[in-house]
Protein backbone atom coordinates (compact mmCIF):
# COMPACT_ATOMS: atom_id res chain seq x y z
CA HIS A 1 42.02 -35.79 8.21
CA PHE A 2 41.90 -32.32 6.68
CA THR A 3 38.98 -29.83 6.80
CA TYR A 4 38.73 -26.43 5.18
CA ARG A 5 35.68 -24.43 6.20
CA ARG A 6 34.95 -20.83 5.40
CA THR A 7 31.75 -18.87 6.18
CA LEU A 8 31.12 -15.75 4.14
CA ASP A 9 28.39 -13.15 4.08
CA ILE A 10 27.36 -12.28 0.50
CA TYR A 11 24.56 -9.69 0.27
CA SER A 12 23.34 -10.65 3.74
CA GLN A 13 23.09 -14.30 2.75
CA PRO A 14 25.33 -16.87 4.47
CA PHE A 15 27.62 -18.79 2.14
CA ILE A 16 29.57 -21.72 3.58
CA LEU A 17 32.45 -23.25 1.69
CA SER A 18 33.55 -26.51 3.24
CA VAL A 19 36.02 -29.11 1.94
CA ALA A 20 36.98 -32.20 3.96
CA SER A 21 39.26 -35.08 3.12
CA ALA A 22 40.76 -38.07 4.91
CA MET A 23 44.26 -38.80 3.59
CA ASP A 24 47.58 -39.89 4.97
CA ARG A 25 50.08 -37.39 6.30
CA THR A 26 52.59 -37.84 3.45
CA VAL A 27 50.19 -36.31 0.96
CA LEU A 28 48.94 -33.63 3.32
CA ALA A 29 51.62 -31.09 2.51
CA SER A 30 50.94 -31.20 -1.24
CA TRP A 31 47.22 -31.17 -0.52
CA HIS A 32 47.69 -28.00 1.55
CA ILE A 33 49.52 -26.36 -1.32
CA ALA A 34 46.83 -27.38 -3.81
CA MET A 35 44.09 -26.11 -1.51
CA ALA A 36 45.96 -22.87 -0.93
CA LEU A 37 46.05 -22.30 -4.70
CA VAL A 38 42.71 -23.74 -5.84
CA LEU A 39 40.31 -22.64 -3.10
CA PRO A 40 40.88 -18.91 -3.46
CA LEU A 41 40.42 -19.18 -7.23
CA GLY A 42 37.29 -21.31 -6.80
CA PHE A 43 35.93 -18.95 -4.21
CA LEU A 44 36.69 -15.97 -6.41
CA THR A 45 34.86 -17.65 -9.31
CA ILE A 46 31.83 -18.32 -7.13
CA LEU A 47 31.88 -14.79 -5.74
CA VAL A 48 32.15 -13.18 -9.18
CA SER A 49 29.36 -15.42 -10.47
CA ALA A 50 27.12 -14.53 -7.50
CA LEU A 51 27.82 -10.83 -7.93
CA TRP A 52 27.18 -11.03 -11.68
CA HIS A 53 23.85 -12.82 -11.23
CA ARG A 54 22.82 -10.34 -8.53
CA ARG A 55 23.66 -7.42 -10.83
CA VAL A 56 21.73 -8.95 -13.75
CA ALA A 57 18.72 -9.57 -11.49
CA HIS A 58 18.94 -5.99 -10.22
CA LEU A 59 19.07 -4.59 -13.75
CA GLU A 60 16.14 -6.77 -14.88
CA GLY A 61 14.13 -5.66 -11.83
CA HIS A 62 14.97 -2.03 -12.49
CA ARG A 63 14.01 -2.39 -16.16
CA ALA A 64 10.67 -3.99 -15.19
CA GLN A 65 9.98 -1.20 -12.69
CA GLN A 66 10.79 1.40 -15.34
CA MET A 67 8.43 -0.26 -17.83
CA ILE A 68 5.62 -0.32 -15.22
CA TYR A 69 6.23 3.34 -14.37
CA GLU A 70 6.14 4.33 -18.05
CA SER A 71 2.96 2.30 -18.62
CA GLU A 72 1.28 3.96 -15.62
CA GLN A 73 2.38 7.38 -16.88
CA ARG A 74 0.93 6.71 -20.36
CA PHE A 75 -2.32 5.56 -18.73
CA ARG A 76 -2.50 8.71 -16.56
CA ASP A 77 -1.80 10.93 -19.56
CA LEU A 78 -4.49 9.15 -21.57
CA ILE A 79 -7.15 9.38 -18.84
CA GLU A 80 -6.33 12.92 -17.70
CA GLY A 81 -6.04 14.19 -21.28
CA SER A 82 -9.31 12.60 -22.38
CA VAL A 83 -12.16 14.81 -23.57
CA GLN A 84 -14.53 12.25 -22.07
CA GLY A 85 -15.43 12.68 -18.44
CA ILE A 86 -14.55 9.70 -16.25
CA ILE A 87 -15.60 9.05 -12.68
CA ILE A 88 -15.12 5.88 -10.65
CA HIS A 89 -17.19 5.37 -7.53
CA ARG A 90 -18.05 2.68 -5.01
CA SER A 91 -21.52 2.85 -3.47
CA GLY A 92 -21.73 6.47 -4.60
CA GLN A 93 -18.45 7.53 -2.97
CA PRO A 94 -16.16 9.04 -5.63
CA LEU A 95 -12.78 7.31 -5.90
CA PHE A 96 -11.38 8.85 -9.10
CA VAL A 97 -12.42 11.82 -11.23
CA ASN A 98 -10.63 13.11 -14.29
CA SER A 99 -10.41 16.79 -15.25
CA ALA A 100 -12.89 16.49 -18.12
CA PHE A 101 -15.63 15.19 -15.80
CA ALA A 102 -14.98 18.00 -13.32
CA ALA A 103 -15.06 20.61 -16.10
CA MET A 104 -18.34 19.25 -17.53
CA LEU A 105 -20.00 19.82 -14.17
CA GLY A 106 -18.32 23.18 -13.56
CA ALA A 107 -16.21 21.96 -10.63
CA THR A 108 -12.98 23.84 -9.97
CA SER A 109 -11.00 20.58 -9.98
CA PRO A 110 -11.43 16.81 -9.68
CA ASP A 111 -10.63 17.21 -5.96
CA ALA A 112 -13.85 19.19 -5.47
CA ILE A 113 -15.85 16.15 -6.59
CA LEU A 114 -13.63 13.68 -4.73
CA ALA A 115 -14.34 15.62 -1.52
CA MET A 116 -18.07 14.93 -1.87
CA PRO A 117 -19.45 12.15 0.35
CA SER A 118 -21.64 10.87 -2.52
CA ILE A 119 -22.05 11.48 -6.25
CA GLU A 120 -25.85 11.41 -5.83
CA ALA A 121 -25.85 15.20 -5.52
CA LEU A 122 -24.41 15.36 -9.07
CA TYR A 123 -27.64 13.93 -10.51
CA ALA A 124 -30.70 16.05 -11.15
CA PRO A 125 -33.27 15.36 -8.39
CA HIS A 126 -35.64 13.55 -10.79
CA GLU A 127 -32.79 11.13 -11.79
CA ARG A 128 -31.60 10.06 -8.33
CA THR A 129 -34.03 7.17 -7.79
CA ARG A 130 -33.27 5.72 -11.22
CA MET A 131 -29.50 6.06 -10.72
CA ARG A 132 -29.69 4.41 -7.26
CA SER A 133 -31.62 1.46 -8.73
CA TYR A 134 -29.07 1.03 -11.56
CA GLN A 135 -26.19 1.22 -9.11
CA LYS A 136 -27.77 -1.30 -6.74
CA ALA A 137 -28.50 -3.73 -9.59
CA ARG A 138 -24.92 -3.50 -10.89
CA MET A 139 -23.36 -4.07 -7.48
CA GLN A 140 -25.60 -7.12 -6.97
CA GLY A 141 -24.62 -8.55 -10.37
CA ARG A 142 -28.07 -7.98 -11.89
CA GLU A 143 -28.87 -6.44 -15.27
CA ALA A 144 -28.78 -2.66 -15.61
CA PRO A 145 -28.43 -0.49 -18.70
CA THR A 146 -24.82 0.17 -19.67
CA ARG A 147 -25.57 3.15 -21.91
CA TYR A 148 -28.14 5.82 -21.21
CA GLU A 149 -28.83 9.53 -21.13
CA VAL A 150 -29.06 11.17 -17.71
CA ASP A 151 -29.59 14.71 -16.43
CA MET A 152 -26.84 15.94 -14.12
CA LEU A 153 -26.42 19.10 -12.08
CA ARG A 154 -23.60 21.51 -12.70
CA THR A 155 -22.13 23.35 -9.71
CA ASP A 156 -24.07 26.49 -10.73
CA GLY A 157 -27.34 24.53 -10.50
CA THR A 158 -28.04 24.20 -14.22
CA ILE A 159 -29.08 20.82 -15.54
CA ILE A 160 -27.17 19.24 -18.41
CA SER A 161 -28.04 16.06 -20.29
CA ILE A 162 -25.14 13.72 -20.82
CA GLU A 163 -24.72 10.33 -22.40
CA SER A 164 -23.26 7.87 -19.93
CA VAL A 165 -21.51 4.54 -20.54
CA VAL A 166 -21.21 2.51 -17.36
CA ARG A 167 -19.39 -0.66 -16.39
CA VAL A 168 -18.43 -2.55 -13.27
CA ILE A 169 -14.67 -2.68 -12.66
CA THR A 170 -12.19 -3.72 -10.01
CA TRP A 171 -10.60 -0.67 -8.38
CA GLN A 172 -7.96 -1.12 -5.71
CA GLY A 173 -8.96 -4.76 -5.31
CA ARG A 174 -12.70 -4.14 -4.86
CA THR A 175 -15.74 -3.78 -7.12
CA ALA A 176 -16.52 -0.25 -8.27
CA ILE A 177 -18.48 1.48 -11.03
CA GLN A 178 -16.89 3.48 -13.84
CA LEU A 179 -18.94 6.13 -15.64
CA THR A 180 -17.66 7.58 -18.87
CA VAL A 181 -19.68 10.59 -19.97
CA VAL A 182 -19.89 12.70 -23.10
């Protein structure tokens, strides 16, 4: 009886090469010679194949990550470079604000609006009840206008009328509201 067993660690994965044979002792010597020649070549073939497939998988993964990164970058450039103001909020809490929206309201940066506990203060006082009712209806899945004119407050206290297009979206895995204003 002859057994050849080899345990290898390839990229932190165990690889066991095992060959066993029952044969008489007269053939054993030639069998040893054959195994001594064939097994290293077979093992080398398997190892090269495993390394090749790992490298191809790594390159494909890297290429996919690069494509995702480039897509995200194009999206950021599009949204940040837009002349339309965009704000995303959940229950009035701002989650995303682009530069155009901040500029329309006279804010120094999008971060100034993101720091607010609620976007309600951005609406003119006479608009707040209407905006709350629209927001509540949307979040409950009921009908609410998707396009309307609304008066908003700039940081200097002046009121501006803007046209708003609103839709419910999923943001970071949860429902939110996106306002696009002109």
